[in-house]
Amino acid sequence: MHVAPVGGTAVQDHVALAEIELCGELIIAASAAHEDRLSLGRIDEVLKVAQEREDASGE
């Protein structure tokens, strides 16, 4: 196994890492769901859509 050295030349794409984390959250929610599919409301809840809108509007 190759691990990048601490302080090395590894570059992190923070947007890509955030997208991967969100996909993981959706996968976890889908695997725990009792229905065949996640509702749009549940997807918004997992992705924290309402929270992001509130943060963006400053409320």
Protein backbone atom coordinates (compact mmCIF):
# COMPACT_ATOMS: atom_id res chain seq x y z
CA MET A 1 0.00 0.00 0.00
CA HIS A 2 1.34 3.43 -0.95
CA VAL A 3 0.50 6.37 1.32
CA ALA A 4 1.37 9.94 0.44
CA PRO A 5 3.94 11.38 2.81
CA VAL A 6 2.81 13.97 5.34
CA GLY A 7 3.41 17.40 3.89
CA GLY A 8 4.05 15.80 0.50
CA THR A 9 2.74 16.77 -2.89
CA ALA A 10 -0.75 15.27 -2.46
CA VAL A 11 -3.41 17.70 -3.61
CA GLN A 12 -6.89 17.56 -2.13
CA ASP A 13 -9.92 18.61 -4.09
CA HIS A 14 -12.26 19.75 -1.33
CA VAL A 15 -15.30 19.89 -3.61
CA ALA A 16 -14.74 16.31 -4.76
CA LEU A 17 -14.24 15.15 -1.17
CA ALA A 18 -17.50 16.84 -0.13
CA GLU A 19 -19.35 15.19 -3.03
CA ILE A 20 -17.96 11.79 -2.08
CA GLU A 21 -19.07 12.32 1.53
CA LEU A 22 -22.60 13.26 0.38
CA CYS A 23 -22.79 10.19 -1.84
CA GLY A 24 -21.76 8.07 1.11
CA GLU A 25 -24.50 9.61 3.25
CA LEU A 26 -27.05 8.83 0.53
CA ILE A 27 -25.85 5.24 0.26
CA ILE A 28 -26.14 4.78 4.02
CA ALA A 29 -29.64 6.29 4.06
CA ALA A 30 -30.73 4.15 1.11
CA SER A 31 -29.44 0.97 2.72
CA ALA A 32 -31.29 1.79 5.94
CA ALA A 33 -34.55 2.73 4.19
CA HIS A 34 -37.53 0.44 4.53
CA GLU A 35 -38.97 1.56 1.19
CA ASP A 36 -37.70 0.69 -2.27
CA ARG A 37 -36.59 4.27 -2.85
CA LEU A 38 -35.78 7.33 -0.80
CA SER A 39 -38.40 10.05 -0.99
CA LEU A 40 -37.33 13.43 -2.30
CA GLY A 41 -37.90 14.82 1.18
CA ARG A 42 -35.60 12.21 2.72
CA ILE A 43 -32.92 12.92 0.12
CA ASP A 44 -33.14 16.64 0.93
CA GLU A 45 -32.89 15.78 4.63
CA VAL A 46 -29.79 13.61 4.11
CA LEU A 47 -28.16 16.27 1.93
CA LYS A 48 -29.17 19.02 4.42
CA VAL A 49 -30.79 21.06 1.65
CA ALA A 50 -33.03 23.09 4.00
CA GLN A 51 -30.09 23.85 6.29
CA GLU A 52 -28.00 25.05 3.35
CA ARG A 53 -30.85 27.32 2.19
CA GLU A 54 -31.20 28.80 5.68
CA ASP A 55 -27.44 29.37 5.92
CA ALA A 56 -27.40 31.02 2.49
CA SER A 57 -30.30 33.33 3.33
CA GLY A 58 -28.74 34.33 6.66
CA GLU A 59 -31.74 33.27 8.75
